[in-house]
Amino acid sequence: MNTTIPFSEACERNKDIILETIKPYLSQVQTVLEVGSGTAQHSIHFSQALTHLHWQTSDQTDYLEGICAAIENAKSLNSSLDNISLPFELNVNQAVWSEAGQHYGTIYTANTFHIMSQADVEQFFAGLSAVTKAASYLVVYGPFKYNGKFTSESNADFDASLRSRGVGSAIRDFEFVDALALEQGFSLIKDHSMPANNQCLVWQKNT
């Protein structure tokens, strides 16, 4: 039985504006690890547009089959798409993220922090040191609060819905994640305001 190729309307809407926003940073690196590739729409779109990159997908076990199906379908439609790799299993709580000694020029993750628990977000940052090097970028897309306040009423409603799940999901405070980044040696270089009350945060690891 063929695996259904996953699809997200939100990913389809935001992939072009995200690409435009992060292209200046990705043009300076050769490798990207995407944490939480989801439907693989971002990874496929970005790797098609930035052919110099090697894009490594990853996600938790439940999503791997769908990501593989999406990538294999994309490659069947574009035979030159050889700079994107099938996903490996990655849970931010696991001790080792990737092969020993493997470093990436950019770590990219989208719409994950508000799904994770606070402890998971902390583990995400704790795992960065082993897979990054001096001058590596960290790019995070999604909604955030600032000084404890939501950027829109719709984000406040979204946060209430997330919290009602009872699994620790919530929109994160920018100050909280920025402090975690600093602890790992990453300094914020740009906070991009994005459509639909989202942000694209870019940090760079200190040299």
N, C-alpha and C. Protein backbone atom coordinates (compact mmCIF):
# COMPACT_ATOMS: atom_id res chain seq x y z
N MET A 1 0.85 -1.19 0.00
CA MET A 1 0.00 0.00 0.00
C MET A 1 0.88 1.25 0.00
N ASN A 2 0.58 2.21 -0.88
CA ASN A 2 1.35 3.43 -0.95
C ASN A 2 1.07 4.31 0.26
N THR A 3 2.11 4.94 0.78
CA THR A 3 1.95 5.86 1.89
C THR A 3 1.39 7.18 1.39
N THR A 4 0.41 7.71 2.09
CA THR A 4 -0.15 9.01 1.74
C THR A 4 0.89 10.10 1.96
N ILE A 5 1.04 10.97 1.00
CA ILE A 5 1.99 12.08 1.12
C ILE A 5 1.35 13.15 1.99
N PRO A 6 1.97 13.51 3.10
CA PRO A 6 1.37 14.50 4.00
C PRO A 6 1.36 15.89 3.37
N PHE A 7 0.41 16.71 3.79
CA PHE A 7 0.29 18.06 3.23
C PHE A 7 -0.26 19.00 4.29
N SER A 8 0.32 20.19 4.35
CA SER A 8 -0.13 21.22 5.28
C SER A 8 -0.42 22.50 4.51
N GLU A 9 -1.64 23.01 4.64
CA GLU A 9 -2.00 24.28 4.00
C GLU A 9 -1.11 25.42 4.51
N ALA A 10 -0.84 25.41 5.82
CA ALA A 10 -0.01 26.48 6.40
C ALA A 10 1.39 26.46 5.81
N CYS A 11 1.97 25.27 5.66
CA CYS A 11 3.31 25.17 5.07
C CYS A 11 3.31 25.68 3.64
N GLU A 12 2.26 25.38 2.91
CA GLU A 12 2.17 25.82 1.52
C GLU A 12 2.09 27.34 1.45
N ARG A 13 1.36 27.94 2.39
CA ARG A 13 1.21 29.40 2.40
C ARG A 13 2.50 30.11 2.79
N ASN A 14 3.23 29.55 3.75
CA ASN A 14 4.36 30.31 4.31
C ASN A 14 5.72 29.96 3.72
N LYS A 15 5.80 28.94 2.87
CA LYS A 15 7.11 28.47 2.44
C LYS A 15 7.88 29.52 1.64
N ASP A 16 7.19 30.31 0.82
CA ASP A 16 7.90 31.30 0.01
C ASP A 16 8.42 32.46 0.84
N ILE A 17 7.62 32.96 1.76
CA ILE A 17 8.08 34.09 2.58
C ILE A 17 9.18 33.66 3.54
N ILE A 18 9.11 32.44 4.05
CA ILE A 18 10.19 31.95 4.91
C ILE A 18 11.47 31.81 4.10
N LEU A 19 11.36 31.24 2.90
CA LEU A 19 12.55 31.10 2.05
C LEU A 19 13.18 32.45 1.77
N GLU A 20 12.36 33.43 1.42
CA GLU A 20 12.88 34.77 1.14
C GLU A 20 13.60 35.34 2.35
N THR A 21 13.06 35.07 3.53
CA THR A 21 13.62 35.61 4.77
C THR A 21 14.94 34.96 5.14
N ILE A 22 15.04 33.65 4.99
CA ILE A 22 16.24 32.94 5.47
C ILE A 22 17.29 32.72 4.39
N LYS A 23 16.97 33.02 3.14
CA LYS A 23 17.92 32.80 2.05
C LYS A 23 19.28 33.47 2.29
N PRO A 24 19.34 34.71 2.80
CA PRO A 24 20.65 35.33 3.02
C PRO A 24 21.54 34.55 3.99
N TYR A 25 20.92 33.88 4.97
CA TYR A 25 21.70 33.10 5.93
C TYR A 25 22.10 31.75 5.33
N LEU A 26 21.17 31.12 4.64
CA LEU A 26 21.46 29.80 4.08
C LEU A 26 22.44 29.88 2.92
N SER A 27 22.56 31.04 2.30
CA SER A 27 23.52 31.18 1.20
C SER A 27 24.95 31.10 1.70
N GLN A 28 25.14 31.23 3.03
CA GLN A 28 26.47 31.24 3.61
C GLN A 28 26.89 29.88 4.19
N VAL A 29 26.02 28.88 4.08
CA VAL A 29 26.31 27.57 4.66
C VAL A 29 26.12 26.48 3.61
N GLN A 30 26.59 25.28 3.92
CA GLN A 30 26.45 24.16 2.99
C GLN A 30 25.52 23.06 3.50
N THR A 31 25.29 23.04 4.82
CA THR A 31 24.51 21.94 5.40
C THR A 31 23.45 22.48 6.36
N VAL A 32 22.29 21.85 6.32
CA VAL A 32 21.19 22.21 7.22
C VAL A 32 20.62 20.94 7.82
N LEU A 33 20.38 20.98 9.11
CA LEU A 33 19.60 19.93 9.79
C LEU A 33 18.27 20.54 10.17
N GLU A 34 17.19 19.97 9.64
CA GLU A 34 15.86 20.41 10.01
C GLU A 34 15.33 19.50 11.12
N VAL A 35 15.00 20.09 12.24
CA VAL A 35 14.46 19.35 13.38
C VAL A 35 12.94 19.45 13.33
N GLY A 36 12.30 18.31 13.09
CA GLY A 36 10.84 18.30 12.98
C GLY A 36 10.41 18.65 11.57
N SER A 37 10.74 17.80 10.60
CA SER A 37 10.46 18.12 9.20
C SER A 37 8.98 18.02 8.84
N GLY A 38 8.19 17.35 9.66
CA GLY A 38 6.74 17.34 9.48
C GLY A 38 6.29 16.75 8.16
N THR A 39 5.77 17.60 7.28
CA THR A 39 5.30 17.16 5.97
C THR A 39 6.40 17.19 4.92
N ALA A 40 7.55 17.74 5.25
CA ALA A 40 8.71 17.89 4.35
C ALA A 40 8.50 18.95 3.28
N GLN A 41 7.42 19.72 3.35
CA GLN A 41 7.18 20.76 2.34
C GLN A 41 8.25 21.84 2.38
N HIS A 42 8.64 22.27 3.58
CA HIS A 42 9.70 23.27 3.68
C HIS A 42 11.02 22.72 3.14
N SER A 43 11.39 21.54 3.58
CA SER A 43 12.69 20.99 3.19
C SER A 43 12.77 20.78 1.68
N ILE A 44 11.71 20.31 1.08
CA ILE A 44 11.71 20.10 -0.37
C ILE A 44 11.78 21.44 -1.12
N HIS A 45 10.97 22.39 -0.70
CA HIS A 45 10.93 23.70 -1.36
C HIS A 45 12.27 24.41 -1.23
N PHE A 46 12.84 24.40 -0.03
CA PHE A 46 14.09 25.13 0.20
C PHE A 46 15.25 24.47 -0.52
N SER A 47 15.31 23.14 -0.51
CA SER A 47 16.42 22.47 -1.18
C SER A 47 16.33 22.60 -2.70
N GLN A 48 15.13 22.69 -3.22
CA GLN A 48 14.97 22.92 -4.67
C GLN A 48 15.47 24.31 -5.05
N ALA A 49 15.23 25.28 -4.18
CA ALA A 49 15.60 26.67 -4.48
C ALA A 49 17.08 26.94 -4.21
N LEU A 50 17.66 26.22 -3.26
CA LEU A 50 19.05 26.46 -2.85
C LEU A 50 19.86 25.20 -3.10
N THR A 51 20.26 25.03 -4.33
CA THR A 51 20.85 23.76 -4.75
C THR A 51 22.25 23.53 -4.19
N HIS A 52 22.87 24.56 -3.64
CA HIS A 52 24.21 24.38 -3.05
C HIS A 52 24.13 23.69 -1.69
N LEU A 53 22.94 23.67 -1.09
CA LEU A 53 22.76 23.12 0.25
C LEU A 53 22.64 21.60 0.23
N HIS A 54 23.06 20.99 1.34
CA HIS A 54 22.62 19.62 1.63
C HIS A 54 21.66 19.72 2.80
N TRP A 55 20.41 19.31 2.57
CA TRP A 55 19.35 19.46 3.57
C TRP A 55 19.05 18.10 4.18
N GLN A 56 19.27 17.99 5.49
CA GLN A 56 19.01 16.75 6.21
C GLN A 56 17.70 16.87 6.97
N THR A 57 16.74 16.02 6.65
CA THR A 57 15.47 16.02 7.36
C THR A 57 15.54 15.11 8.59
N SER A 58 14.65 15.35 9.54
CA SER A 58 14.57 14.50 10.73
C SER A 58 13.21 14.72 11.39
N ASP A 59 12.80 13.75 12.19
CA ASP A 59 11.56 13.90 12.95
C ASP A 59 11.40 12.69 13.86
N GLN A 60 10.34 12.70 14.64
CA GLN A 60 10.02 11.57 15.49
C GLN A 60 9.48 10.42 14.63
N THR A 61 9.50 9.24 15.20
CA THR A 61 9.20 8.02 14.46
C THR A 61 7.90 8.08 13.66
N ASP A 62 6.84 8.61 14.25
CA ASP A 62 5.53 8.59 13.61
C ASP A 62 5.49 9.34 12.29
N TYR A 63 6.41 10.27 12.08
CA TYR A 63 6.37 11.11 10.89
C TYR A 63 7.33 10.68 9.79
N LEU A 64 8.20 9.73 10.08
CA LEU A 64 9.25 9.38 9.13
C LEU A 64 8.71 8.82 7.82
N GLU A 65 7.71 7.96 7.91
CA GLU A 65 7.18 7.33 6.70
C GLU A 65 6.61 8.37 5.73
N GLY A 66 5.87 9.34 6.28
CA GLY A 66 5.29 10.38 5.45
C GLY A 66 6.34 11.28 4.83
N ILE A 67 7.38 11.60 5.60
CA ILE A 67 8.46 12.43 5.07
C ILE A 67 9.18 11.70 3.94
N CYS A 68 9.45 10.42 4.13
CA CYS A 68 10.09 9.62 3.08
C CYS A 68 9.25 9.61 1.82
N ALA A 69 7.95 9.45 1.96
CA ALA A 69 7.06 9.41 0.80
C ALA A 69 7.08 10.74 0.06
N ALA A 70 7.07 11.84 0.82
CA ALA A 70 7.08 13.17 0.20
C ALA A 70 8.38 13.42 -0.56
N ILE A 71 9.50 13.06 0.05
CA ILE A 71 10.79 13.29 -0.59
C ILE A 71 10.95 12.40 -1.82
N GLU A 72 10.59 11.15 -1.70
CA GLU A 72 10.70 10.24 -2.84
C GLU A 72 9.81 10.69 -3.99
N ASN A 73 8.64 11.20 -3.67
CA ASN A 73 7.75 11.72 -4.72
C ASN A 73 8.38 12.94 -5.39
N ALA A 74 8.94 13.84 -4.58
CA ALA A 74 9.59 15.04 -5.13
C ALA A 74 10.75 14.67 -6.05
N LYS A 75 11.52 13.67 -5.64
CA LYS A 75 12.65 13.24 -6.46
C LYS A 75 12.19 12.57 -7.75
N SER A 76 11.05 11.91 -7.71
CA SER A 76 10.53 11.29 -8.93
C SER A 76 10.08 12.34 -9.94
N LEU A 77 9.69 13.52 -9.43
CA LEU A 77 9.25 14.62 -10.29
C LEU A 77 10.40 15.50 -10.74
N ASN A 78 11.51 15.46 -9.97
CA ASN A 78 12.68 16.29 -10.26
C ASN A 78 13.92 15.44 -10.06
N SER A 79 14.42 14.88 -11.14
CA SER A 79 15.55 13.95 -11.05
C SER A 79 16.84 14.61 -10.58
N SER A 80 16.91 15.94 -10.64
CA SER A 80 18.12 16.64 -10.20
C SER A 80 18.09 16.99 -8.72
N LEU A 81 17.01 16.63 -8.04
CA LEU A 81 16.87 16.94 -6.62
C LEU A 81 17.66 15.92 -5.80
N ASP A 82 18.95 16.16 -5.67
CA ASP A 82 19.81 15.20 -4.98
C ASP A 82 20.47 15.78 -3.73
N ASN A 83 20.01 16.97 -3.31
CA ASN A 83 20.63 17.62 -2.15
C ASN A 83 19.76 17.58 -0.90
N ILE A 84 18.81 16.67 -0.88
CA ILE A 84 17.96 16.47 0.30
C ILE A 84 18.01 14.99 0.68
N SER A 85 18.19 14.75 1.97
CA SER A 85 18.32 13.36 2.45
C SER A 85 17.06 12.89 3.16
N LEU A 86 16.79 11.60 3.03
CA LEU A 86 15.70 10.99 3.78
C LEU A 86 15.95 11.20 5.27
N PRO A 87 14.89 11.24 6.06
CA PRO A 87 15.03 11.61 7.46
C PRO A 87 15.66 10.53 8.32
N PHE A 88 16.31 10.98 9.39
CA PHE A 88 16.65 10.06 10.45
C PHE A 88 15.78 10.37 11.66
N GLU A 89 15.62 9.39 12.53
CA GLU A 89 14.78 9.57 13.71
C GLU A 89 15.45 10.52 14.69
N LEU A 90 14.71 11.51 15.14
CA LEU A 90 15.26 12.47 16.10
C LEU A 90 14.19 12.91 17.07
N ASN A 91 14.41 12.62 18.32
CA ASN A 91 13.64 13.18 19.43
C ASN A 91 14.61 14.05 20.21
N VAL A 92 14.23 15.28 20.49
CA VAL A 92 15.18 16.20 21.12
C VAL A 92 15.67 15.72 22.47
N ASN A 93 14.97 14.76 23.06
CA ASN A 93 15.38 14.24 24.37
C ASN A 93 16.42 13.12 24.27
N GLN A 94 16.71 12.66 23.05
CA GLN A 94 17.68 11.58 22.95
C GLN A 94 19.09 12.12 23.14
N ALA A 95 19.97 11.28 23.65
CA ALA A 95 21.32 11.72 24.03
C ALA A 95 22.15 12.14 22.82
N VAL A 96 22.03 11.40 21.72
CA VAL A 96 22.82 11.69 20.52
C VAL A 96 21.87 11.99 19.37
N TRP A 97 22.02 13.14 18.75
CA TRP A 97 21.12 13.54 17.67
C TRP A 97 21.52 12.93 16.34
N SER A 98 22.82 12.97 16.03
CA SER A 98 23.29 12.46 14.74
C SER A 98 24.65 11.81 14.93
N GLU A 99 25.23 11.36 13.84
CA GLU A 99 26.51 10.67 13.92
C GLU A 99 27.56 11.52 14.62
N ALA A 100 28.41 10.87 15.38
CA ALA A 100 29.45 11.58 16.12
C ALA A 100 30.30 12.42 15.17
N GLY A 101 30.51 13.67 15.55
CA GLY A 101 31.35 14.54 14.75
C GLY A 101 30.63 15.25 13.62
N GLN A 102 29.34 14.96 13.40
CA GLN A 102 28.58 15.61 12.34
C GLN A 102 28.10 16.97 12.81
N HIS A 103 28.52 18.02 12.11
CA HIS A 103 28.10 19.38 12.42
C HIS A 103 27.37 19.97 11.22
N TYR A 104 26.49 20.92 11.48
CA TYR A 104 25.69 21.54 10.43
C TYR A 104 25.86 23.05 10.46
N GLY A 105 25.80 23.65 9.27
CA GLY A 105 25.92 25.10 9.17
C GLY A 105 24.71 25.82 9.70
N THR A 106 23.55 25.15 9.64
CA THR A 106 22.31 25.73 10.16
C THR A 106 21.45 24.64 10.77
N ILE A 107 20.84 24.95 11.89
CA ILE A 107 19.76 24.14 12.46
C ILE A 107 18.47 24.91 12.22
N TYR A 108 17.52 24.28 11.57
CA TYR A 108 16.26 24.93 11.23
C TYR A 108 15.10 24.15 11.84
N THR A 109 14.16 24.87 12.43
CA THR A 109 12.95 24.23 12.94
C THR A 109 11.79 25.20 12.83
N ALA A 110 10.63 24.69 12.43
CA ALA A 110 9.46 25.54 12.22
C ALA A 110 8.24 24.96 12.92
N ASN A 111 7.54 25.83 13.63
CA ASN A 111 6.27 25.45 14.29
C ASN A 111 6.43 24.23 15.18
N THR A 112 7.49 24.23 15.96
CA THR A 112 7.74 23.12 16.88
C THR A 112 7.74 23.54 18.35
N PHE A 113 8.24 24.72 18.65
CA PHE A 113 8.40 25.10 20.05
C PHE A 113 7.08 25.17 20.80
N HIS A 114 6.01 25.58 20.13
CA HIS A 114 4.73 25.68 20.82
C HIS A 114 4.04 24.33 20.94
N ILE A 115 4.51 23.34 20.19
CA ILE A 115 4.00 21.98 20.33
C ILE A 115 4.75 21.24 21.44
N MET A 116 6.06 21.50 21.54
CA MET A 116 6.87 20.88 22.59
C MET A 116 6.46 21.38 23.98
N SER A 117 6.80 20.60 24.98
CA SER A 117 6.69 21.09 26.35
C SER A 117 7.87 22.02 26.63
N GLN A 118 7.81 22.75 27.72
CA GLN A 118 8.93 23.62 28.08
C GLN A 118 10.20 22.81 28.28
N ALA A 119 10.09 21.64 28.90
CA ALA A 119 11.26 20.78 29.11
C ALA A 119 11.85 20.32 27.79
N ASP A 120 11.00 20.04 26.80
CA ASP A 120 11.48 19.63 25.48
C ASP A 120 12.24 20.77 24.80
N VAL A 121 11.73 21.99 24.93
CA VAL A 121 12.43 23.14 24.35
C VAL A 121 13.81 23.29 24.99
N GLU A 122 13.87 23.10 26.29
CA GLU A 122 15.17 23.16 26.97
C GLU A 122 16.11 22.09 26.46
N GLN A 123 15.58 20.90 26.21
CA GLN A 123 16.41 19.81 25.68
C GLN A 123 16.85 20.09 24.24
N PHE A 124 15.99 20.73 23.48
CA PHE A 124 16.37 21.13 22.13
C PHE A 124 17.65 21.97 22.17
N PHE A 125 17.66 22.98 23.00
CA PHE A 125 18.83 23.85 23.07
C PHE A 125 20.05 23.11 23.62
N ALA A 126 19.81 22.22 24.58
CA ALA A 126 20.92 21.46 25.14
C ALA A 126 21.59 20.58 24.10
N GLY A 127 20.83 20.15 23.09
CA GLY A 127 21.38 19.27 22.07
C GLY A 127 22.15 19.98 20.97
N LEU A 128 22.09 21.30 20.93
CA LEU A 128 22.69 22.04 19.83
C LEU A 128 24.21 21.96 19.78
N SER A 129 24.86 21.97 20.93
CA SER A 129 26.31 22.07 20.96
C SER A 129 26.99 20.93 20.21
N ALA A 130 26.39 19.74 20.23
CA ALA A 130 27.02 18.58 19.61
C ALA A 130 26.88 18.57 18.09
N VAL A 131 25.99 19.38 17.53
CA VAL A 131 25.75 19.33 16.09
C VAL A 131 26.02 20.66 15.39
N THR A 132 26.60 21.62 16.12
CA THR A 132 26.91 22.92 15.53
C THR A 132 28.37 23.27 15.80
N LYS A 133 28.84 24.28 15.10
CA LYS A 133 30.20 24.76 15.26
C LYS A 133 30.19 26.28 15.24
N ALA A 134 31.34 26.89 15.41
CA ALA A 134 31.41 28.34 15.40
C ALA A 134 30.81 28.89 14.11
N ALA A 135 29.98 29.92 14.24
CA ALA A 135 29.31 30.62 13.14
C ALA A 135 28.08 29.89 12.60
N SER A 136 27.73 28.71 13.13
CA SER A 136 26.50 28.04 12.72
C SER A 136 25.29 28.91 13.05
N TYR A 137 24.27 28.82 12.22
CA TYR A 137 23.03 29.55 12.46
C TYR A 137 21.99 28.64 13.12
N LEU A 138 21.11 29.26 13.88
CA LEU A 138 19.92 28.62 14.40
C LEU A 138 18.73 29.44 13.93
N VAL A 139 17.83 28.82 13.18
CA VAL A 139 16.67 29.52 12.63
C VAL A 139 15.41 28.85 13.17
N VAL A 140 14.58 29.64 13.84
CA VAL A 140 13.35 29.12 14.45
C VAL A 140 12.17 29.96 13.98
N TYR A 141 11.18 29.29 13.41
CA TYR A 141 9.98 29.96 12.92
C TYR A 141 8.78 29.55 13.78
N GLY A 142 7.93 30.51 14.10
CA GLY A 142 6.71 30.21 14.84
C GLY A 142 6.24 31.41 15.64
N PRO A 143 5.17 31.25 16.43
CA PRO A 143 4.66 32.34 17.26
C PRO A 143 5.41 32.44 18.58
N PHE A 144 5.53 33.67 19.10
CA PHE A 144 6.18 33.90 20.38
C PHE A 144 5.47 35.01 21.14
N LYS A 145 5.66 35.03 22.45
CA LYS A 145 5.24 36.14 23.30
C LYS A 145 6.46 37.01 23.57
N TYR A 146 6.18 38.28 23.90
CA TYR A 146 7.25 39.22 24.26
C TYR A 146 6.87 39.92 25.56
N ASN A 147 7.78 39.85 26.52
CA ASN A 147 7.51 40.43 27.84
C ASN A 147 6.19 39.92 28.41
N GLY A 148 5.93 38.63 28.15
CA GLY A 148 4.74 38.00 28.68
C GLY A 148 3.45 38.33 27.95
N LYS A 149 3.55 39.08 26.85
CA LYS A 149 2.35 39.51 26.13
C LYS A 149 2.31 38.90 24.74
N PHE A 150 1.11 38.53 24.31
CA PHE A 150 0.93 37.98 22.98
C PHE A 150 0.98 39.09 21.94
N THR A 151 1.40 38.75 20.73
CA THR A 151 1.48 39.74 19.67
C THR A 151 0.14 39.98 19.00
N SER A 152 -0.85 39.15 19.30
CA SER A 152 -2.19 39.32 18.73
C SER A 152 -3.20 38.57 19.58
N GLU A 153 -4.45 38.94 19.44
CA GLU A 153 -5.52 38.25 20.16
C GLU A 153 -5.65 36.81 19.65
N SER A 154 -5.42 36.61 18.36
CA SER A 154 -5.53 35.26 17.81
C SER A 154 -4.46 34.34 18.39
N ASN A 155 -3.27 34.88 18.67
CA ASN A 155 -2.24 34.08 19.30
C ASN A 155 -2.60 33.73 20.74
N ALA A 156 -3.27 34.66 21.42
CA ALA A 156 -3.73 34.37 22.78
C ALA A 156 -4.75 33.23 22.77
N ASP A 157 -5.65 33.26 21.80
CA ASP A 157 -6.64 32.19 21.66
C ASP A 157 -5.95 30.87 21.31
N PHE A 158 -4.95 30.94 20.44
CA PHE A 158 -4.21 29.75 20.04
C PHE A 158 -3.50 29.15 21.24
N ASP A 159 -2.91 30.00 22.06
CA ASP A 159 -2.21 29.53 23.26
C ASP A 159 -3.17 28.82 24.20
N ALA A 160 -4.35 29.38 24.38
CA ALA A 160 -5.35 28.75 25.26
C ALA A 160 -5.73 27.36 24.72
N SER A 161 -5.85 27.26 23.40
CA SER A 161 -6.17 25.97 22.79
C SER A 161 -5.03 24.97 23.00
N LEU A 162 -3.80 25.43 22.84
CA LEU A 162 -2.64 24.55 23.04
C LEU A 162 -2.59 24.04 24.48
N ARG A 163 -2.79 24.94 25.43
CA ARG A 163 -2.71 24.56 26.84
C ARG A 163 -3.81 23.60 27.24
N SER A 164 -4.95 23.68 26.55
CA SER A 164 -6.08 22.81 26.89
C SER A 164 -5.80 21.35 26.57
N ARG A 165 -4.76 21.08 25.76
CA ARG A 165 -4.40 19.71 25.43
C ARG A 165 -3.82 18.96 26.63
N GLY A 166 -3.26 19.72 27.55
CA GLY A 166 -2.72 19.12 28.76
C GLY A 166 -1.42 18.36 28.60
N VAL A 167 -0.65 18.69 27.55
CA VAL A 167 0.62 17.99 27.31
C VAL A 167 1.81 18.94 27.37
N GLY A 168 1.58 20.16 27.84
CA GLY A 168 2.67 21.11 27.99
C GLY A 168 2.87 22.03 26.81
N SER A 169 2.01 21.92 25.79
CA SER A 169 2.14 22.80 24.63
C SER A 169 1.71 24.22 25.00
N ALA A 170 2.41 25.21 24.44
CA ALA A 170 2.09 26.62 24.70
C ALA A 170 3.00 27.49 23.85
N ILE A 171 2.55 28.69 23.55
CA ILE A 171 3.41 29.66 22.87
C ILE A 171 4.49 30.10 23.85
N ARG A 172 5.74 30.06 23.42
CA ARG A 172 6.87 30.34 24.31
C ARG A 172 7.19 31.83 24.36
N ASP A 173 7.77 32.22 25.48
CA ASP A 173 8.26 33.59 25.63
C ASP A 173 9.59 33.73 24.88
N PHE A 174 9.69 34.80 24.10
CA PHE A 174 10.94 35.07 23.39
C PHE A 174 12.11 35.13 24.37
N GLU A 175 11.92 35.80 25.49
CA GLU A 175 13.01 35.97 26.45
C GLU A 175 13.50 34.64 26.99
N PHE A 176 12.60 33.69 27.14
CA PHE A 176 12.96 32.36 27.62
C PHE A 176 13.85 31.64 26.61
N VAL A 177 13.44 31.64 25.34
CA VAL A 177 14.23 30.92 24.34
C VAL A 177 15.53 31.64 24.04
N ASP A 178 15.51 32.96 24.08
CA ASP A 178 16.75 33.71 23.82
C ASP A 178 17.78 33.44 24.92
N ALA A 179 17.33 33.32 26.16
CA ALA A 179 18.24 33.00 27.26
C ALA A 179 18.83 31.60 27.07
N LEU A 180 18.02 30.65 26.62
CA LEU A 180 18.52 29.30 26.37
C LEU A 180 19.55 29.31 25.24
N ALA A 181 19.29 30.11 24.22
CA ALA A 181 20.24 30.21 23.11
C ALA A 181 21.57 30.79 23.60
N LEU A 182 21.51 31.81 24.40
CA LEU A 182 22.73 32.43 24.93
C LEU A 182 23.55 31.45 25.75
N GLU A 183 22.86 30.61 26.51
CA GLU A 183 23.56 29.60 27.31
C GLU A 183 24.36 28.65 26.43
N GLN A 184 23.91 28.44 25.20
CA GLN A 184 24.60 27.54 24.27
C GLN A 184 25.55 28.29 23.33
N GLY A 185 25.75 29.57 23.60
CA GLY A 185 26.70 30.35 22.81
C GLY A 185 26.14 30.96 21.55
N PHE A 186 24.82 31.06 21.44
CA PHE A 186 24.19 31.65 20.26
C PHE A 186 23.68 33.06 20.59
N SER A 187 24.01 34.01 19.74
CA SER A 187 23.54 35.39 19.91
C SER A 187 22.51 35.72 18.83
N LEU A 188 21.43 36.38 19.23
CA LEU A 188 20.40 36.76 18.28
C LEU A 188 20.94 37.79 17.31
N ILE A 189 20.77 37.55 16.02
CA ILE A 189 21.21 38.53 15.03
C ILE A 189 20.03 39.18 14.30
N LYS A 190 18.85 38.53 14.33
CA LYS A 190 17.69 39.15 13.69
C LYS A 190 16.40 38.49 14.17
N ASP A 191 15.40 39.32 14.43
CA ASP A 191 14.05 38.87 14.75
C ASP A 191 13.15 39.41 13.65
N HIS A 192 12.78 38.54 12.72
CA HIS A 192 11.94 38.93 11.59
C HIS A 192 10.47 38.76 11.94
N SER A 193 9.68 39.80 11.76
CA SER A 193 8.23 39.68 11.88
C SER A 193 7.69 39.06 10.60
N MET A 194 6.82 38.07 10.76
CA MET A 194 6.31 37.31 9.61
C MET A 194 4.79 37.41 9.56
N PRO A 195 4.19 37.02 8.43
CA PRO A 195 2.73 37.03 8.34
C PRO A 195 2.09 36.09 9.37
N ALA A 196 0.80 36.31 9.60
CA ALA A 196 -0.01 35.45 10.48
C ALA A 196 0.53 35.43 11.90
N ASN A 197 1.10 36.56 12.34
CA ASN A 197 1.55 36.72 13.73
C ASN A 197 2.63 35.73 14.14
N ASN A 198 3.51 35.43 13.22
CA ASN A 198 4.65 34.57 13.49
C ASN A 198 5.95 35.37 13.45
N GLN A 199 7.01 34.75 13.93
CA GLN A 199 8.34 35.34 13.90
C GLN A 199 9.30 34.34 13.26
N CYS A 200 10.39 34.87 12.73
CA CYS A 200 11.50 34.05 12.28
C CYS A 200 12.74 34.56 13.02
N LEU A 201 13.18 33.80 13.99
CA LEU A 201 14.30 34.19 14.85
C LEU A 201 15.58 33.56 14.32
N VAL A 202 16.61 34.37 14.21
CA VAL A 202 17.90 33.88 13.70
C VAL A 202 18.99 34.19 14.72
N TRP A 203 19.64 33.13 15.18
CA TRP A 203 20.80 33.27 16.06
C TRP A 203 22.03 32.78 15.32
N GLN A 204 23.21 33.19 15.79
CA GLN A 204 24.46 32.65 15.26
C GLN A 204 25.39 32.29 16.41
N LYS A 205 26.04 31.17 16.25
CA LYS A 205 26.93 30.69 17.30
C LYS A 205 28.19 31.55 17.33
N ASN A 206 28.57 31.97 18.51
CA ASN A 206 29.72 32.83 18.65
C ASN A 206 31.00 32.13 18.25
N THR A 207 31.91 32.85 17.64
CA THR A 207 33.18 32.29 17.22
C THR A 207 34.15 32.18 18.39
